Protein backbone atom coordinates (compact mmCIF):
# COMPACT_ATOMS: atom_id res chain seq x y z
CA MET A 1 16.47 16.44 -18.20
CA LEU A 2 17.96 14.05 -15.67
CA ASP A 3 14.60 14.40 -13.66
CA GLU A 4 12.70 13.12 -16.72
CA TYR A 5 14.85 10.09 -16.49
CA LEU A 6 15.13 9.48 -13.01
CA ALA A 7 11.18 9.81 -12.82
CA ARG A 8 11.36 7.19 -15.90
CA ILE A 9 13.68 4.98 -13.76
CA ARG A 10 11.42 5.33 -10.61
CA ALA A 11 8.50 4.46 -12.80
CA HIS A 12 10.22 1.23 -13.90
CA ARG A 13 11.41 0.24 -10.65
CA THR A 14 7.43 0.61 -9.36
CA ASN A 15 6.06 -1.60 -12.16
CA ILE A 16 9.40 -4.04 -11.58
CA HIS A 17 7.96 -4.60 -7.66
CA ARG A 18 4.40 -4.32 -8.73
CA TYR A 19 4.63 -7.43 -11.16
CA ARG A 20 7.23 -9.36 -8.79
CA ARG A 21 4.26 -8.63 -6.08
CA LEU A 22 2.00 -10.41 -8.39
CA LEU A 23 3.71 -12.85 -9.21
CA LYS A 24 3.52 -13.81 -5.54
CA SER A 25 -0.38 -14.33 -6.16
CA ASN A 26 -2.84 -17.06 -7.12
CA LEU A 27 -2.69 -16.50 -11.06
CA SER A 28 -3.71 -18.41 -14.34
CA ASP A 29 -1.10 -19.76 -16.44
CA ALA A 30 -1.66 -17.08 -19.30
CA GLU A 31 -1.85 -14.49 -16.37
CA ARG A 32 1.31 -15.92 -15.29
CA GLN A 33 2.53 -15.56 -18.49
CA PHE A 34 1.60 -12.31 -19.06
CA ILE A 35 2.79 -10.82 -16.20
CA GLU A 36 6.63 -12.98 -16.47
CA LYS A 37 6.73 -11.41 -19.81
CA ARG A 38 6.00 -7.88 -18.86
CA LEU A 39 8.55 -8.20 -16.34
CA THR A 40 11.14 -8.95 -18.18
CA GLU A 41 10.44 -6.35 -20.59
CA GLU A 42 10.38 -3.10 -17.47
CA GLN A 43 13.71 -4.92 -16.21
CA THR A 44 15.26 -4.85 -19.64
CA ALA A 45 13.84 -1.41 -20.12
CA LEU A 46 15.12 -0.01 -16.67
CA GLU A 47 18.90 -1.58 -17.16
CA PHE A 48 18.87 0.12 -20.23
CA LEU A 49 17.75 3.72 -19.17
CA SER A 50 20.05 3.17 -16.10
CA ALA A 51 23.39 2.78 -18.58
CA GLU A 52 21.57 5.55 -20.82
CA THR A 53 21.61 7.84 -17.66
CA PHE A 54 24.38 6.93 -16.01
CA PRO A 55 27.24 6.11 -18.63
CA LEU A 56 29.80 6.10 -15.97
CA ALA A 57 29.18 2.64 -14.00
CA PHE A 58 32.39 0.72 -12.75
CA SER A 59 31.69 -2.60 -12.93
CA LEU A 60 34.06 -5.59 -13.05
CA ARG A 61 33.43 -8.36 -15.44
CA LYS A 62 33.34 -11.77 -14.35
CA GLY A 63 36.30 -13.68 -14.56
CA ALA A 64 38.28 -10.64 -14.76
CA ASP A 65 41.61 -10.32 -12.91
CA MET A 66 42.30 -7.38 -10.83
CA PRO A 67 44.93 -5.39 -11.97
CA ALA A 68 48.23 -5.15 -9.72
CA ASN A 69 49.30 -2.77 -8.02
């Protein structure tokens, strides 16, 4: 099951890299808008899948105080 999740994560990352590369090229306004939308969708899917696959990720909230020792 983990292999399937990792393969899906890899696919989203590959798509994100491809869309970023496309945005650096000459595109019409309609093409750019479409690619930007797809990039946002891929990033959202990657974030969701990563959180689902690795639920115990630790992060500091912005502005949160560090606990005193």
